[in-house]
Amino acid sequence: MRESLNETLRNLHEQLASDRTLDAEQIALLRSAANEIEETLDNAEVNSLDLAQRMQANSLSFSESHPMLVQTIGRIADLLSQMGI
């Protein structure tokens, strides 16, 4: 499951790098949340659920225009939940 999460996070980074329609602030927020998840996965004290919820909240503003990106973010939140993190 960890490898699936890592792959999904890589996918998110690729989507953010190739998307030319998101504004810089949206991209920065999503990259920051993804990086924070990656950096803290091995830390028992981290609240990854909170990180995933923040990422999903940030994605609401472009859910209609970027459904694949929102789907990737949802997948990350689901994987974190399944991992019990």
Protein backbone atom coordinates (compact mmCIF):
# COMPACT_ATOMS: atom_id res chain seq x y z
CA MET A 1 0.00 0.00 0.00
CA ARG A 2 2.91 2.34 0.72
CA GLU A 3 4.21 1.91 -2.84
CA SER A 4 0.76 2.74 -4.20
CA LEU A 5 0.72 5.93 -2.14
CA ASN A 6 4.22 6.87 -3.35
CA GLU A 7 3.16 6.25 -6.94
CA THR A 8 0.04 8.36 -6.51
CA LEU A 9 2.06 11.20 -4.98
CA ARG A 10 4.48 11.02 -7.95
CA ASN A 11 1.47 11.16 -10.26
CA LEU A 12 0.22 14.27 -8.47
CA HIS A 13 3.61 15.97 -8.85
CA GLU A 14 3.60 15.13 -12.58
CA GLN A 15 0.09 16.52 -13.00
CA LEU A 16 1.03 19.72 -11.20
CA ALA A 17 4.17 20.12 -13.31
CA SER A 18 2.30 19.75 -16.58
CA ASP A 19 -0.84 21.76 -15.78
CA ARG A 20 -0.74 25.27 -17.19
CA THR A 21 -4.21 26.34 -16.04
CA LEU A 22 -3.84 26.27 -12.26
CA ASP A 23 -2.63 29.43 -10.64
CA ALA A 24 0.69 29.48 -8.80
CA GLU A 25 -0.94 29.65 -5.36
CA GLN A 26 -3.05 26.52 -5.97
CA ILE A 27 -0.04 24.61 -7.23
CA ALA A 28 2.07 25.74 -4.28
CA LEU A 29 -0.58 24.65 -1.75
CA LEU A 30 -0.94 21.21 -3.31
CA ARG A 31 2.81 20.70 -3.69
CA SER A 32 3.34 21.75 -0.09
CA ALA A 33 0.73 19.29 1.18
CA ALA A 34 2.11 16.45 -0.97
CA ASN A 35 5.67 17.17 0.15
CA GLU A 36 4.59 17.27 3.78
CA ILE A 37 2.89 13.88 3.41
CA GLU A 38 6.01 12.42 1.78
CA GLU A 39 8.35 13.82 4.41
CA THR A 40 6.29 12.71 7.38
CA LEU A 41 4.99 9.26 6.43
CA ASP A 42 7.51 7.52 8.69
CA ASN A 43 6.84 9.81 11.62
CA ALA A 44 4.41 8.26 14.10
CA GLU A 45 3.45 11.70 15.42
CA VAL A 46 2.16 13.03 12.11
CA ASN A 47 -1.53 13.56 11.49
CA SER A 48 -1.69 12.58 7.83
CA LEU A 49 -5.47 12.66 7.95
CA ASP A 50 -5.26 16.37 8.62
CA LEU A 51 -2.83 16.77 5.73
CA ALA A 52 -5.10 14.85 3.38
CA GLN A 53 -8.12 16.89 4.45
CA ARG A 54 -6.26 20.15 3.82
CA MET A 55 -5.21 18.92 0.40
CA GLN A 56 -8.80 18.01 -0.47
CA ALA A 57 -10.09 21.36 0.79
CA ASN A 58 -7.55 23.15 -1.41
CA SER A 59 -8.71 21.15 -4.42
CA LEU A 60 -12.39 22.13 -4.12
CA SER A 61 -11.86 25.39 -5.98
CA PHE A 62 -10.92 23.58 -9.20
CA SER A 63 -12.92 20.37 -8.97
CA GLU A 64 -14.90 21.05 -12.16
CA SER A 65 -11.99 22.23 -14.28
CA HIS A 66 -9.48 19.55 -13.14
CA PRO A 67 -11.36 16.31 -12.37
CA MET A 68 -8.29 14.08 -12.84
CA LEU A 69 -6.28 16.13 -10.37
CA VAL A 70 -9.09 16.00 -7.82
CA GLN A 71 -9.36 12.24 -8.38
CA THR A 72 -5.64 11.85 -7.65
CA ILE A 73 -5.98 13.89 -4.46
CA GLY A 74 -8.93 11.76 -3.38
CA ARG A 75 -6.87 8.62 -4.01
CA ILE A 76 -4.11 9.94 -1.76
CA ALA A 77 -6.61 10.62 1.03
CA ASP A 78 -8.11 7.13 0.61
CA LEU A 79 -4.71 5.46 0.75
CA LEU A 80 -3.73 7.35 3.88
CA SER A 81 -7.00 6.31 5.49
CA GLN A 82 -6.52 2.66 4.50
CA MET A 83 -3.02 2.72 5.92
CA GLY A 84 -4.42 3.94 9.21
CA ILE A 85 -2.17 6.97 9.17
